[in-house]
Amino acid sequence: MEYMEPRVLAALTNCLVQGQVPRRWKTGKLLLLWKKGRPEDQPSAYHPIVLLDEVCKILERIIVARLAQHLEHVGPNLTN
């Protein structure tokens, strides 16, 4: 694994152990990007994107990787 700042690693570990994330990690910043050639006064002329906290994105990737690994292991044994 690549080097990770110890404070960031501690924060991520804490989130995984407690099952909670800081509120500010859940808050994003909405940006509206204008689509060229569209009238600026029309809502459909904008493409919305949300900027999220980078540490939260790292945590999400860790969780996805763990879930994928778990599902690969138990997948054939799942029943309805």
PDB file of N, CA and C in Angstrom:
ATOM      1  N   MET A   1       0.844  -1.183   0.000  1.00  0.00           N
ATOM      2  CA  MET A   1       0.000   0.000   0.000  1.00  0.00           C
ATOM      3  C   MET A   1       0.883   1.238   0.000  1.00  0.00           C
ATOM      4  N   GLU A   2       0.452   2.234  -0.734  1.00  0.00           N
ATOM      5  CA  GLU A   2       1.211   3.475  -0.771  1.00  0.00           C
ATOM      6  C   GLU A   2       1.157   4.157   0.593  1.00  0.00           C
ATOM      7  N   TYR A   3       2.089   5.070   0.821  1.00  0.00           N
ATOM      8  CA  TYR A   3       2.146   5.801   2.085  1.00  0.00           C
ATOM      9  C   TYR A   3       0.892   6.639   2.267  1.00  0.00           C
ATOM     10  N   MET A   4       0.374   6.651   3.494  1.00  0.00           N
ATOM     11  CA  MET A   4      -0.768   7.489   3.818  1.00  0.00           C
ATOM     12  C   MET A   4      -0.452   8.263   5.089  1.00  0.00           C
ATOM     13  N   GLU A   5      -0.783   9.534   5.093  1.00  0.00           N
ATOM     14  CA  GLU A   5      -0.600  10.392   6.265  1.00  0.00           C
ATOM     15  C   GLU A   5      -1.200   9.690   7.484  1.00  0.00           C
ATOM     16  N   PRO A   6      -0.439   9.563   8.587  1.00  0.00           N
ATOM     17  CA  PRO A   6      -0.937   8.851   9.770  1.00  0.00           C
ATOM     18  C   PRO A   6      -2.269   9.383  10.310  1.00  0.00           C
ATOM     19  N   ARG A   7      -2.467  10.694  10.261  1.00  0.00           N
ATOM     20  CA  ARG A   7      -3.738  11.243  10.766  1.00  0.00           C
ATOM     21  C   ARG A   7      -4.910  10.835   9.877  1.00  0.00           C
ATOM     22  N   VAL A   8      -4.668  10.778   8.579  1.00  0.00           N
ATOM     23  CA  VAL A   8      -5.727  10.347   7.654  1.00  0.00           C
ATOM     24  C   VAL A   8      -6.029   8.870   7.879  1.00  0.00           C
ATOM     25  N   LEU A   9      -4.986   8.071   8.000  1.00  0.00           N
ATOM     26  CA  LEU A   9      -5.156   6.641   8.256  1.00  0.00           C
ATOM     27  C   LEU A   9      -5.927   6.410   9.555  1.00  0.00           C
ATOM     28  N   ALA A  10      -5.594   7.165  10.591  1.00  0.00           N
ATOM     29  CA  ALA A  10      -6.293   7.039  11.876  1.00  0.00           C
ATOM     30  C   ALA A  10      -7.766   7.422  11.730  1.00  0.00           C
ATOM     31  N   ALA A  11      -8.046   8.470  10.979  1.00  0.00           N
ATOM     32  CA  ALA A  11      -9.433   8.901  10.772  1.00  0.00           C
ATOM     33  C   ALA A  11     -10.224   7.837  10.013  1.00  0.00           C
ATOM     34  N   LEU A  12      -9.618   7.261   8.974  1.00  0.00           N
ATOM     35  CA  LEU A  12     -10.294   6.223   8.199  1.00  0.00           C
ATOM     36  C   LEU A  12     -10.548   4.981   9.050  1.00  0.00           C
ATOM     37  N   THR A  13      -9.555   4.584   9.819  1.00  0.00           N
ATOM     38  CA  THR A  13      -9.702   3.427  10.698  1.00  0.00           C
ATOM     39  C   THR A  13     -10.816   3.661  11.703  1.00  0.00           C
ATOM     40  N   ASN A  14     -10.856   4.854  12.276  1.00  0.00           N
ATOM     41  CA  ASN A  14     -11.893   5.204  13.237  1.00  0.00           C
ATOM     42  C   ASN A  14     -13.281   5.112  12.603  1.00  0.00           C
ATOM     43  N   CYS A  15     -13.410   5.586  11.383  1.00  0.00           N
ATOM     44  CA  CYS A  15     -14.698   5.525  10.678  1.00  0.00           C
ATOM     45  C   CYS A  15     -15.131   4.080  10.460  1.00  0.00           C
ATOM     46  N   LEU A  16     -14.194   3.231  10.059  1.00  0.00           N
ATOM     47  CA  LEU A  16     -14.522   1.828   9.813  1.00  0.00           C
ATOM     48  C   LEU A  16     -14.894   1.101  11.102  1.00  0.00           C
ATOM     49  N   VAL A  17     -14.200   1.398  12.180  1.00  0.00           N
ATOM     50  CA  VAL A  17     -14.468   0.740  13.459  1.00  0.00           C
ATOM     51  C   VAL A  17     -15.810   1.189  14.033  1.00  0.00           C
ATOM     52  N   GLN A  18     -16.068   2.498  14.001  1.00  0.00           N
ATOM     53  CA  GLN A  18     -17.289   3.037  14.603  1.00  0.00           C
ATOM     54  C   GLN A  18     -18.492   3.023  13.666  1.00  0.00           C
ATOM     55  N   GLY A  19     -18.247   2.881  12.374  1.00  0.00           N
ATOM     56  CA  GLY A  19     -19.349   2.876  11.421  1.00  0.00           C
ATOM     57  C   GLY A  19     -19.970   4.239  11.205  1.00  0.00           C
ATOM     58  N   GLN A  20     -19.199   5.290  11.455  1.00  0.00           N
ATOM     59  CA  GLN A  20     -19.690   6.655  11.284  1.00  0.00           C
ATOM     60  C   GLN A  20     -18.624   7.492  10.598  1.00  0.00           C
ATOM     61  N   VAL A  21     -19.093   8.515   9.884  1.00  0.00           N
ATOM     62  CA  VAL A  21     -18.168   9.456   9.251  1.00  0.00           C
ATOM     63  C   VAL A  21     -18.504  10.862   9.719  1.00  0.00           C
ATOM     64  N   PRO A  22     -17.519  11.744   9.729  1.00  0.00           N
ATOM     65  CA  PRO A  22     -17.789  13.128  10.110  1.00  0.00           C
ATOM     66  C   PRO A  22     -18.818  13.769   9.175  1.00  0.00           C
ATOM     67  N   ARG A  23     -19.665  14.592   9.723  1.00  0.00           N
ATOM     68  CA  ARG A  23     -20.731  15.239   8.959  1.00  0.00           C
ATOM     69  C   ARG A  23     -20.182  16.006   7.760  1.00  0.00           C
ATOM     70  N   ARG A  24     -19.047  16.671   7.931  1.00  0.00           N
ATOM     71  CA  ARG A  24     -18.515  17.483   6.830  1.00  0.00           C
ATOM     72  C   ARG A  24     -18.065  16.626   5.651  1.00  0.00           C
ATOM     73  N   TRP A  25     -17.790  15.342   5.887  1.00  0.00           N
ATOM     74  CA  TRP A  25     -17.435  14.446   4.792  1.00  0.00           C
ATOM     75  C   TRP A  25     -18.646  14.126   3.929  1.00  0.00           C
ATOM     76  N   LYS A  26     -19.842  14.237   4.505  1.00  0.00           N
ATOM     77  CA  LYS A  26     -21.071  13.916   3.783  1.00  0.00           C
ATOM     78  C   LYS A  26     -21.608  15.105   2.991  1.00  0.00           C
ATOM     79  N   THR A  27     -21.015  16.256   3.186  1.00  0.00           N
ATOM     80  CA  THR A  27     -21.488  17.471   2.536  1.00  0.00           C
ATOM     81  C   THR A  27     -20.667  17.741   1.287  1.00  0.00           C
ATOM     82  N   GLY A  28     -21.355  17.983   0.199  1.00  0.00           N
ATOM     83  CA  GLY A  28     -20.677  18.279  -1.057  1.00  0.00           C
ATOM     84  C   GLY A  28     -20.944  19.707  -1.492  1.00  0.00           C
ATOM     85  N   LYS A  29     -20.180  20.142  -2.466  1.00  0.00           N
ATOM     86  CA  LYS A  29     -20.368  21.475  -3.038  1.00  0.00           C
ATOM     87  C   LYS A  29     -20.913  21.287  -4.450  1.00  0.00           C
ATOM     88  N   LEU A  30     -22.083  21.834  -4.703  1.00  0.00           N
ATOM     89  CA  LEU A  30     -22.727  21.713  -6.001  1.00  0.00           C
ATOM     90  C   LEU A  30     -22.210  22.781  -6.951  1.00  0.00           C
ATOM     91  N   LEU A  31     -21.768  22.337  -8.117  1.00  0.00           N
ATOM     92  CA  LEU A  31     -21.341  23.255  -9.175  1.00  0.00           C
ATOM     93  C   LEU A  31     -22.202  23.004 -10.402  1.00  0.00           C
ATOM     94  N   LEU A  32     -22.587  24.076 -11.061  1.00  0.00           N
ATOM     95  CA  LEU A  32     -23.349  23.963 -12.297  1.00  0.00           C
ATOM     96  C   LEU A  32     -22.448  24.379 -13.444  1.00  0.00           C
ATOM     97  N   LEU A  33     -22.188  23.453 -14.346  1.00  0.00           N
ATOM     98  CA  LEU A  33     -21.330  23.723 -15.493  1.00  0.00           C
ATOM     99  C   LEU A  33     -22.206  24.014 -16.700  1.00  0.00           C
ATOM    100  N   TRP A  34     -21.974  25.154 -17.310  1.00  0.00           N
ATOM    101  CA  TRP A  34     -22.759  25.563 -18.472  1.00  0.00           C
ATOM    102  C   TRP A  34     -22.357  24.739 -19.683  1.00  0.00           C
ATOM    103  N   LYS A  35     -23.355  24.266 -20.416  1.00  0.00           N
ATOM    104  CA  LYS A  35     -23.127  23.506 -21.647  1.00  0.00           C
ATOM    105  C   LYS A  35     -23.054  24.503 -22.797  1.00  0.00           C
ATOM    106  N   LYS A  36     -21.931  24.537 -23.478  1.00  0.00           N
ATOM    107  CA  LYS A  36     -21.735  25.491 -24.573  1.00  0.00           C
ATOM    108  C   LYS A  36     -22.841  25.360 -25.615  1.00  0.00           C
ATOM    109  N   GLY A  37     -23.243  26.512 -26.128  1.00  0.00           N
ATOM    110  CA  GLY A  37     -24.247  26.535 -27.176  1.00  0.00           C
ATOM    111  C   GLY A  37     -25.675  26.492 -26.668  1.00  0.00           C
ATOM    112  N   ARG A  38     -25.856  26.429 -25.368  1.00  0.00           N
ATOM    113  CA  ARG A  38     -27.203  26.400 -24.792  1.00  0.00           C
ATOM    114  C   ARG A  38     -27.522  27.765 -24.189  1.00  0.00           C
ATOM    115  N   PRO A  39     -28.795  28.146 -24.175  1.00  0.00           N
ATOM    116  CA  PRO A  39     -29.163  29.434 -23.577  1.00  0.00           C
ATOM    117  C   PRO A  39     -28.904  29.415 -22.069  1.00  0.00           C
ATOM    118  N   GLU A  40     -28.228  30.431 -21.590  1.00  0.00           N
ATOM    119  CA  GLU A  40     -27.825  30.467 -20.177  1.00  0.00           C
ATOM    120  C   GLU A  40     -28.997  30.622 -19.218  1.00  0.00           C
ATOM    121  N   ASP A  41     -30.161  31.015 -19.723  1.00  0.00           N
ATOM    122  CA  ASP A  41     -31.315  31.211 -18.840  1.00  0.00           C
ATOM    123  C   ASP A  41     -32.164  29.939 -18.689  1.00  0.00           C
ATOM    124  N   GLN A  42     -31.727  28.833 -19.275  1.00  0.00           N
ATOM    125  CA  GLN A  42     -32.465  27.571 -19.194  1.00  0.00           C
ATOM    126  C   GLN A  42     -31.765  26.607 -18.230  1.00  0.00           C
ATOM    127  N   PRO A  43     -32.499  26.042 -17.272  1.00  0.00           N
ATOM    128  CA  PRO A  43     -31.884  25.086 -16.348  1.00  0.00           C
ATOM    129  C   PRO A  43     -31.236  23.893 -17.052  1.00  0.00           C
ATOM    130  N   SER A  44     -31.813  23.464 -18.175  1.00  0.00           N
ATOM    131  CA  SER A  44     -31.256  22.310 -18.889  1.00  0.00           C
ATOM    132  C   SER A  44     -29.924  22.627 -19.564  1.00  0.00           C
ATOM    133  N   ALA A  45     -29.512  23.894 -19.524  1.00  0.00           N
ATOM    134  CA  ALA A  45     -28.245  24.300 -20.127  1.00  0.00           C
ATOM    135  C   ALA A  45     -27.068  24.053 -19.190  1.00  0.00           C
ATOM    136  N   TYR A  46     -27.344  23.485 -18.024  1.00  0.00           N
ATOM    137  CA  TYR A  46     -26.296  23.284 -17.029  1.00  0.00           C
ATOM    138  C   TYR A  46     -26.192  21.818 -16.639  1.00  0.00           C
ATOM    139  N   HIS A  47     -24.967  21.392 -16.449  1.00  0.00           N
ATOM    140  CA  HIS A  47     -24.674  20.031 -16.010  1.00  0.00           C
ATOM    141  C   HIS A  47     -24.223  20.109 -14.551  1.00  0.00           C
ATOM    142  N   PRO A  48     -24.985  19.506 -13.614  1.00  0.00           N
ATOM    143  CA  PRO A  48     -24.596  19.591 -12.205  1.00  0.00           C
ATOM    144  C   PRO A  48     -23.528  18.561 -11.843  1.00  0.00           C
ATOM    145  N   ILE A  49     -22.561  18.975 -11.048  1.00  0.00           N
ATOM    146  CA  ILE A  49     -21.596  18.047 -10.463  1.00  0.00           C
ATOM    147  C   ILE A  49     -21.464  18.400  -8.983  1.00  0.00           C
ATOM    148  N   VAL A  50     -21.142  17.413  -8.183  1.00  0.00           N
ATOM    149  CA  VAL A  50     -20.972  17.624  -6.750  1.00  0.00           C
ATOM    150  C   VAL A  50     -19.540  17.274  -6.378  1.00  0.00           C
ATOM    151  N   LEU A  51     -18.867  18.203  -5.731  1.00  0.00           N
ATOM    152  CA  LEU A  51     -17.504  17.975  -5.255  1.00  0.00           C
ATOM    153  C   LEU A  51     -17.586  17.461  -3.824  1.00  0.00           C
ATOM    154  N   LEU A  52     -17.015  16.279  -3.590  1.00  0.00           N
ATOM    155  CA  LEU A  52     -17.038  15.672  -2.267  1.00  0.00           C
ATOM    156  C   LEU A  52     -15.649  15.689  -1.648  1.00  0.00           C
ATOM    157  N   ASP A  53     -15.609  15.505  -0.343  1.00  0.00           N
ATOM    158  CA  ASP A  53     -14.352  15.460   0.395  1.00  0.00           C
ATOM    159  C   ASP A  53     -13.501  14.287  -0.101  1.00  0.00           C
ATOM    160  N   GLU A  54     -12.226  14.527  -0.350  1.00  0.00           N
ATOM    161  CA  GLU A  54     -11.328  13.491  -0.879  1.00  0.00           C
ATOM    162  C   GLU A  54     -11.138  12.328   0.089  1.00  0.00           C
ATOM    163  N   VAL A  55     -11.081  12.608   1.380  1.00  0.00           N
ATOM    164  CA  VAL A  55     -10.883  11.533   2.354  1.00  0.00           C
ATOM    165  C   VAL A  55     -12.105  10.616   2.358  1.00  0.00           C
ATOM    166  N   CYS A  56     -13.280  11.187   2.192  1.00  0.00           N
ATOM    167  CA  CYS A  56     -14.498  10.383   2.116  1.00  0.00           C
ATOM    168  C   CYS A  56     -14.470   9.485   0.882  1.00  0.00           C
ATOM    169  N   LYS A  57     -13.949   9.995  -0.219  1.00  0.00           N
ATOM    170  CA  LYS A  57     -13.839   9.183  -1.434  1.00  0.00           C
ATOM    171  C   LYS A  57     -12.900   7.996  -1.209  1.00  0.00           C
ATOM    172  N   ILE A  58     -11.818   8.224  -0.476  1.00  0.00           N
ATOM    173  CA  ILE A  58     -10.883   7.136  -0.156  1.00  0.00           C
ATOM    174  C   ILE A  58     -11.601   6.076   0.681  1.00  0.00           C
ATOM    175  N   LEU A  59     -12.361   6.527   1.676  1.00  0.00           N
ATOM    176  CA  LEU A  59     -13.109   5.600   2.526  1.00  0.00           C
ATOM    177  C   LEU A  59     -14.103   4.790   1.691  1.00  0.00           C
ATOM    178  N   GLU A  60     -14.788   5.443   0.771  1.00  0.00           N
ATOM    179  CA  GLU A  60     -15.736   4.740  -0.094  1.00  0.00           C
ATOM    180  C   GLU A  60     -15.032   3.666  -0.920  1.00  0.00           C
ATOM    181  N   ARG A  61     -13.852   3.967  -1.436  1.00  0.00           N
ATOM    182  CA  ARG A  61     -13.100   2.987  -2.229  1.00  0.00           C
ATOM    183  C   ARG A  61     -12.684   1.786  -1.380  1.00  0.00           C
ATOM    184  N   ILE A  62     -12.306   2.046  -0.132  1.00  0.00           N
ATOM    185  CA  ILE A  62     -11.937   0.957   0.778  1.00  0.00           C
ATOM    186  C   ILE A  62     -13.139   0.050   1.017  1.00  0.00           C
ATOM    187  N   ILE A  63     -14.289   0.650   1.280  1.00  0.00           N
ATOM    188  CA  ILE A  63     -15.501  -0.128   1.547  1.00  0.00           C
ATOM    189  C   ILE A  63     -15.911  -0.935   0.318  1.00  0.00           C
ATOM    190  N   VAL A  64     -15.869  -0.314  -0.853  1.00  0.00           N
ATOM    191  CA  VAL A  64     -16.226  -1.024  -2.089  1.00  0.00           C
ATOM    192  C   VAL A  64     -15.297  -2.214  -2.315  1.00  0.00           C
ATOM    193  N   ALA A  65     -14.008  -2.019  -2.095  1.00  0.00           N
ATOM    194  CA  ALA A  65     -13.048  -3.113  -2.283  1.00  0.00           C
ATOM    195  C   ALA A  65     -13.325  -4.255  -1.309  1.00  0.00           C
ATOM    196  N   ARG A  66     -13.635  -3.920  -0.069  1.00  0.00           N
ATOM    197  CA  ARG A  66     -13.925  -4.958   0.924  1.00  0.00           C
ATOM    198  C   ARG A  66     -15.215  -5.699   0.586  1.00  0.00           C
ATOM    199  N   LEU A  67     -16.236  -4.958   0.162  1.00  0.00           N
ATOM    200  CA  LEU A  67     -17.494  -5.601  -0.215  1.00  0.00           C
ATOM    201  C   LEU A  67     -17.313  -6.516  -1.423  1.00  0.00           C
ATOM    202  N   ALA A  68     -16.564  -6.051  -2.407  1.00  0.00           N
ATOM    203  CA  ALA A  68     -16.324  -6.860  -3.603  1.00  0.00           C
ATOM    204  C   ALA A  68     -15.608  -8.154  -3.237  1.00  0.00           C
ATOM    205  N   GLN A  69     -14.611  -8.053  -2.380  1.00  0.00           N
ATOM    206  CA  GLN A  69     -13.869  -9.238  -1.952  1.00  0.00           C
ATOM    207  C   GLN A  69     -14.790 -10.198  -1.198  1.00  0.00           C
ATOM    208  N   HIS A  70     -15.614  -9.661  -0.327  1.00  0.00           N
ATOM    209  CA  HIS A  70     -16.546 -10.488   0.447  1.00  0.00           C
ATOM    210  C   HIS A  70     -17.546 -11.188  -0.475  1.00  0.00           C
ATOM    211  N   LEU A  71     -18.106 -10.443  -1.431  1.00  0.00           N
ATOM    212  CA  LEU A  71     -19.098 -11.023  -2.332  1.00  0.00           C
ATOM    213  C   LEU A  71     -18.495 -12.077  -3.249  1.00  0.00           C
ATOM    214  N   GLU A  72     -17.251 -11.907  -3.643  1.00  0.00           N
ATOM    215  CA  GLU A  72     -16.583 -12.934  -4.442  1.00  0.00           C
ATOM    216  C   GLU A  72     -16.447 -14.229  -3.646  1.00  0.00           C
ATOM    217  N   HIS A  73     -16.216 -14.079  -2.353  1.00  0.00           N
ATOM    218  CA  HIS A  73     -16.026 -15.247  -1.491  1.00  0.00           C
ATOM    219  C   HIS A  73     -17.350 -15.951  -1.198  1.00  0.00           C
ATOM    220  N   VAL A  74     -18.402 -15.209  -0.864  1.00  0.00           N
ATOM    221  CA  VAL A  74     -19.674 -15.814  -0.463  1.00  0.00           C
ATOM    222  C   VAL A  74     -20.691 -15.875  -1.591  1.00  0.00           C
ATOM    223  N   GLY A  75     -20.420 -15.226  -2.701  1.00  0.00           N
ATOM    224  CA  GLY A  75     -21.374 -15.147  -3.801  1.00  0.00           C
ATOM    225  C   GLY A  75     -22.028 -16.462  -4.178  1.00  0.00           C
ATOM    226  N   PRO A  76     -21.254 -17.518  -4.439  1.00  0.00           N
ATOM    227  CA  PRO A  76     -21.871 -18.789  -4.839  1.00  0.00           C
ATOM    228  C   PRO A  76     -22.746 -19.399  -3.746  1.00  0.00           C
ATOM    229  N   ASN A  77     -22.555 -18.993  -2.499  1.00  0.00           N
ATOM    230  CA  ASN A  77     -23.306 -19.568  -1.382  1.00  0.00           C
ATOM    231  C   ASN A  77     -24.538 -18.752  -1.001  1.00  0.00           C
ATOM    232  N   LEU A  78     -24.803 -17.658  -1.711  1.00  0.00           N
ATOM    233  CA  LEU A  78     -25.975 -16.845  -1.399  1.00  0.00           C
ATOM    234  C   LEU A  78     -27.237 -17.545  -1.885  1.00  0.00           C
ATOM    235  N   THR A  79     -28.300 -17.439  -1.097  1.00  0.00           N
ATOM    236  CA  THR A  79     -29.588 -18.014  -1.487  1.00  0.00           C
ATOM    237  C   THR A  79     -30.664 -16.958  -1.368  1.00  0.00           C
ATOM    238  N   ASN A  80     -31.809 -17.232  -1.980  1.00  0.00           N
ATOM    239  CA  ASN A  80     -32.940 -16.295  -1.903  1.00  0.00           C
ATOM    240  C   ASN A  80     -33.479 -16.329  -0.534  1.00  0.00           C
TER     241      ASN A  80
END
